[in-house]
Amino acid sequence: QVQLVESGGGLVQPGGSLRLSCVASGNIFSIYAWGWYRQAPGKQREKVAAIISNFRTEYADFVKDRFTISRDNADNTVYLDMHNLKPEDTAVYYCHGEGGAPTWYAYWGQGTQVTVPS
């Protein structure tokens, strides 16, 4: 089992920045990929960014050059640094981890709200 706890969300003006944190505990050595997803009201959950095997990163086109995902192995924390925030970035942001063998598991945090007013 892996537990994920997000923090760092809030209200920020357009053009502002936020740092989201996700503290992981439990059997984190089983995790192959860490990621951040978001879900806006009335929309499906979408992938924002991922860090795979501790070094390869992926980003959705709508956040490239604005968001950065990183991981601090010493603190078992995954970060999402968000800059130049836009109203369309308003959503609940979820931390995600997946991995394991022979059974593949996926884990989710409880989410943290990010609001960028228009």
C-alpha atoms as a PDB file:
ATOM      1  CA  GLN A   1       0.000   0.000   0.000  1.00  0.00           C
ATOM      2  CA  VAL A   2       1.026   3.574  -0.722  1.00  0.00           C
ATOM      3  CA  GLN A   3      -0.501   6.680   0.822  1.00  0.00           C
ATOM      4  CA  LEU A   4      -0.351  10.051  -0.929  1.00  0.00           C
ATOM      5  CA  VAL A   5      -1.118  13.373   0.716  1.00  0.00           C
ATOM      6  CA  GLU A   6      -1.202  16.557  -1.342  1.00  0.00           C
ATOM      7  CA  SER A   7      -0.878  20.124  -0.159  1.00  0.00           C
ATOM      8  CA  GLY A   8      -0.138  23.566  -1.529  1.00  0.00           C
ATOM      9  CA  GLY A   9      -3.304  24.417  -3.399  1.00  0.00           C
ATOM     10  CA  GLY A  10      -5.072  27.733  -3.025  1.00  0.00           C
ATOM     11  CA  LEU A  11      -6.302  30.876  -4.695  1.00  0.00           C
ATOM     12  CA  VAL A  12      -3.807  32.636  -6.950  1.00  0.00           C
ATOM     13  CA  GLN A  13      -4.203  35.510  -9.389  1.00  0.00           C
ATOM     14  CA  PRO A  14      -3.583  34.988 -13.114  1.00  0.00           C
ATOM     15  CA  GLY A  15       0.103  34.984 -13.846  1.00  0.00           C
ATOM     16  CA  GLY A  16       0.947  33.814 -10.340  1.00  0.00           C
ATOM     17  CA  SER A  17       2.713  30.696  -9.118  1.00  0.00           C
ATOM     18  CA  LEU A  18       2.038  27.817  -6.768  1.00  0.00           C
ATOM     19  CA  ARG A  19       3.956  24.764  -5.611  1.00  0.00           C
ATOM     20  CA  LEU A  20       2.008  21.579  -4.970  1.00  0.00           C
ATOM     21  CA  SER A  21       3.526  18.898  -2.782  1.00  0.00           C
ATOM     22  CA  CYS A  22       2.698  15.208  -2.510  1.00  0.00           C
ATOM     23  CA  VAL A  23       4.148  13.292   0.411  1.00  0.00           C
ATOM     24  CA  ALA A  24       4.255   9.552  -0.137  1.00  0.00           C
ATOM     25  CA  SER A  25       4.427   6.839   2.503  1.00  0.00           C
ATOM     26  CA  GLY A  26       4.215   3.074   2.570  1.00  0.00           C
ATOM     27  CA  ASN A  27       5.658   0.779  -0.075  1.00  0.00           C
ATOM     28  CA  ILE A  28       6.946   3.608  -2.249  1.00  0.00           C
ATOM     29  CA  PHE A  29       9.746   1.476  -3.696  1.00  0.00           C
ATOM     30  CA  SER A  30       7.114  -0.286  -5.770  1.00  0.00           C
ATOM     31  CA  ILE A  31       6.226   2.928  -7.578  1.00  0.00           C
ATOM     32  CA  TYR A  32       7.453   3.170 -11.167  1.00  0.00           C
ATOM     33  CA  ALA A  33       5.834   6.436 -12.174  1.00  0.00           C
ATOM     34  CA  TRP A  34       4.640   9.478 -10.246  1.00  0.00           C
ATOM     35  CA  GLY A  35       2.266  11.973 -11.702  1.00  0.00           C
ATOM     36  CA  TRP A  36      -0.090  14.882 -11.268  1.00  0.00           C
ATOM     37  CA  TYR A  37      -3.594  14.894 -12.701  1.00  0.00           C
ATOM     38  CA  ARG A  38      -6.319  17.479 -12.517  1.00  0.00           C
ATOM     39  CA  GLN A  39     -10.078  17.571 -12.781  1.00  0.00           C
ATOM     40  CA  ALA A  40     -12.085  20.702 -13.445  1.00  0.00           C
ATOM     41  CA  PRO A  41     -15.831  20.883 -12.728  1.00  0.00           C
ATOM     42  CA  GLY A  42     -17.798  19.015 -15.374  1.00  0.00           C
ATOM     43  CA  LYS A  43     -14.676  17.677 -17.053  1.00  0.00           C
ATOM     44  CA  GLN A  44     -12.796  14.409 -17.038  1.00  0.00           C
ATOM     45  CA  ARG A  45      -9.631  13.952 -15.049  1.00  0.00           C
ATOM     46  CA  GLU A  46      -6.593  14.680 -17.203  1.00  0.00           C
ATOM     47  CA  LYS A  47      -2.906  14.016 -16.882  1.00  0.00           C
ATOM     48  CA  VAL A  48      -0.759  17.072 -16.235  1.00  0.00           C
ATOM     49  CA  ALA A  49       2.758  15.747 -15.736  1.00  0.00           C
ATOM     50  CA  ALA A  50       4.631  12.598 -14.813  1.00  0.00           C
ATOM     51  CA  ILE A  51       8.070  11.522 -13.705  1.00  0.00           C
ATOM     52  CA  ILE A  52       9.003   7.996 -14.699  1.00  0.00           C
ATOM     53  CA  SER A  53      11.754   5.836 -13.227  1.00  0.00           C
ATOM     54  CA  ASN A  54      12.967   8.864 -11.253  1.00  0.00           C
ATOM     55  CA  PHE A  55      14.289  10.781 -14.228  1.00  0.00           C
ATOM     56  CA  ARG A  56      12.126  10.892 -17.373  1.00  0.00           C
ATOM     57  CA  THR A  57       9.469  13.584 -17.331  1.00  0.00           C
ATOM     58  CA  GLU A  58       6.357  14.053 -19.422  1.00  0.00           C
ATOM     59  CA  TYR A  59       4.045  17.037 -19.688  1.00  0.00           C
ATOM     60  CA  ALA A  60       0.684  17.760 -21.201  1.00  0.00           C
ATOM     61  CA  ASP A  61       0.900  20.295 -24.013  1.00  0.00           C
ATOM     62  CA  PHE A  62      -1.243  22.767 -22.105  1.00  0.00           C
ATOM     63  CA  VAL A  63       1.324  23.071 -19.281  1.00  0.00           C
ATOM     64  CA  LYS A  64       4.626  22.792 -21.132  1.00  0.00           C
ATOM     65  CA  ASP A  65       7.062  25.549 -20.217  1.00  0.00           C
ATOM     66  CA  ARG A  66       4.850  26.589 -17.293  1.00  0.00           C
ATOM     67  CA  PHE A  67       4.803  23.575 -14.945  1.00  0.00           C
ATOM     68  CA  THR A  68       7.673  21.444 -13.654  1.00  0.00           C
ATOM     69  CA  ILE A  69       7.416  18.079 -11.912  1.00  0.00           C
ATOM     70  CA  SER A  70      10.198  16.944  -9.611  1.00  0.00           C
ATOM     71  CA  ARG A  71      10.853  14.447  -6.872  1.00  0.00           C
ATOM     72  CA  ASP A  72      12.849  14.656  -3.660  1.00  0.00           C
ATOM     73  CA  ASN A  73      13.805  11.087  -2.799  1.00  0.00           C
ATOM     74  CA  ALA A  74      15.112  12.052   0.630  1.00  0.00           C
ATOM     75  CA  ASP A  75      11.703  13.426   1.658  1.00  0.00           C
ATOM     76  CA  ASN A  76       9.568  11.033  -0.417  1.00  0.00           C
ATOM     77  CA  THR A  77       7.893  14.075  -1.915  1.00  0.00           C
ATOM     78  CA  VAL A  78       6.768  14.841  -5.445  1.00  0.00           C
ATOM     79  CA  TYR A  79       6.364  18.486  -6.418  1.00  0.00           C
ATOM     80  CA  LEU A  80       4.531  20.345  -9.114  1.00  0.00           C
ATOM     81  CA  ASP A  81       5.799  23.877  -9.623  1.00  0.00           C
ATOM     82  CA  MET A  82       3.241  25.913 -11.510  1.00  0.00           C
ATOM     83  CA  HIS A  83       3.982  29.297 -13.058  1.00  0.00           C
ATOM     84  CA  ASN A  84       2.047  31.764 -15.191  1.00  0.00           C
ATOM     85  CA  LEU A  85      -1.200  30.274 -13.961  1.00  0.00           C
ATOM     86  CA  LYS A  86      -4.332  30.835 -16.013  1.00  0.00           C
ATOM     87  CA  PRO A  87      -8.043  30.637 -15.154  1.00  0.00           C
ATOM     88  CA  GLU A  88      -8.251  27.416 -17.176  1.00  0.00           C
ATOM     89  CA  ASP A  89      -5.799  25.840 -14.731  1.00  0.00           C
ATOM     90  CA  THR A  90      -8.522  25.934 -12.075  1.00  0.00           C
ATOM     91  CA  ALA A  91      -9.128  22.357 -10.949  1.00  0.00           C
ATOM     92  CA  VAL A  92      -8.607  19.840  -8.201  1.00  0.00           C
ATOM     93  CA  TYR A  93      -5.088  18.487  -8.575  1.00  0.00           C
ATOM     94  CA  TYR A  94      -4.391  14.882  -7.666  1.00  0.00           C
ATOM     95  CA  CYS A  95      -1.136  13.127  -6.981  1.00  0.00           C
ATOM     96  CA  HIS A  96      -0.820   9.693  -8.589  1.00  0.00           C
ATOM     97  CA  GLY A  97       1.575   6.798  -8.270  1.00  0.00           C
ATOM     98  CA  GLU A  98       1.611   3.478 -10.090  1.00  0.00           C
ATOM     99  CA  GLY A  99       3.741   0.393 -10.172  1.00  0.00           C
ATOM    100  CA  GLY A 100       4.279  -3.000  -8.649  1.00  0.00           C
ATOM    101  CA  ALA A 101       4.963  -6.561  -9.651  1.00  0.00           C
ATOM    102  CA  PRO A 102       3.450  -8.975 -10.368  1.00  0.00           C
ATOM    103  CA  THR A 103       0.329  -6.901  -9.721  1.00  0.00           C
ATOM    104  CA  TRP A 104       0.227  -3.337 -11.014  1.00  0.00           C
ATOM    105  CA  TYR A 105      -1.395  -0.852  -8.662  1.00  0.00           C
ATOM    106  CA  ALA A 106      -2.431   2.769  -8.982  1.00  0.00           C
ATOM    107  CA  TYR A 107      -2.708   5.113  -6.022  1.00  0.00           C
ATOM    108  CA  TRP A 108      -4.377   8.496  -5.674  1.00  0.00           C
ATOM    109  CA  GLY A 109      -4.215  11.297  -3.173  1.00  0.00           C
ATOM    110  CA  GLN A 110      -7.263  13.134  -1.929  1.00  0.00           C
ATOM    111  CA  GLY A 111      -6.682  16.170  -4.136  1.00  0.00           C
ATOM    112  CA  THR A 112      -5.928  19.825  -3.560  1.00  0.00           C
ATOM    113  CA  GLN A 113      -7.911  22.714  -5.035  1.00  0.00           C
ATOM    114  CA  VAL A 114      -6.228  25.287  -7.251  1.00  0.00           C
ATOM    115  CA  THR A 115      -8.301  28.326  -8.186  1.00  0.00           C
ATOM    116  CA  VAL A 116      -7.247  31.001 -10.642  1.00  0.00           C
ATOM    117  CA  PRO A 117     -10.018  33.607 -11.019  1.00  0.00           C
ATOM    118  CA  SER A 118     -10.794  35.123 -14.376  1.00  0.00           C
END
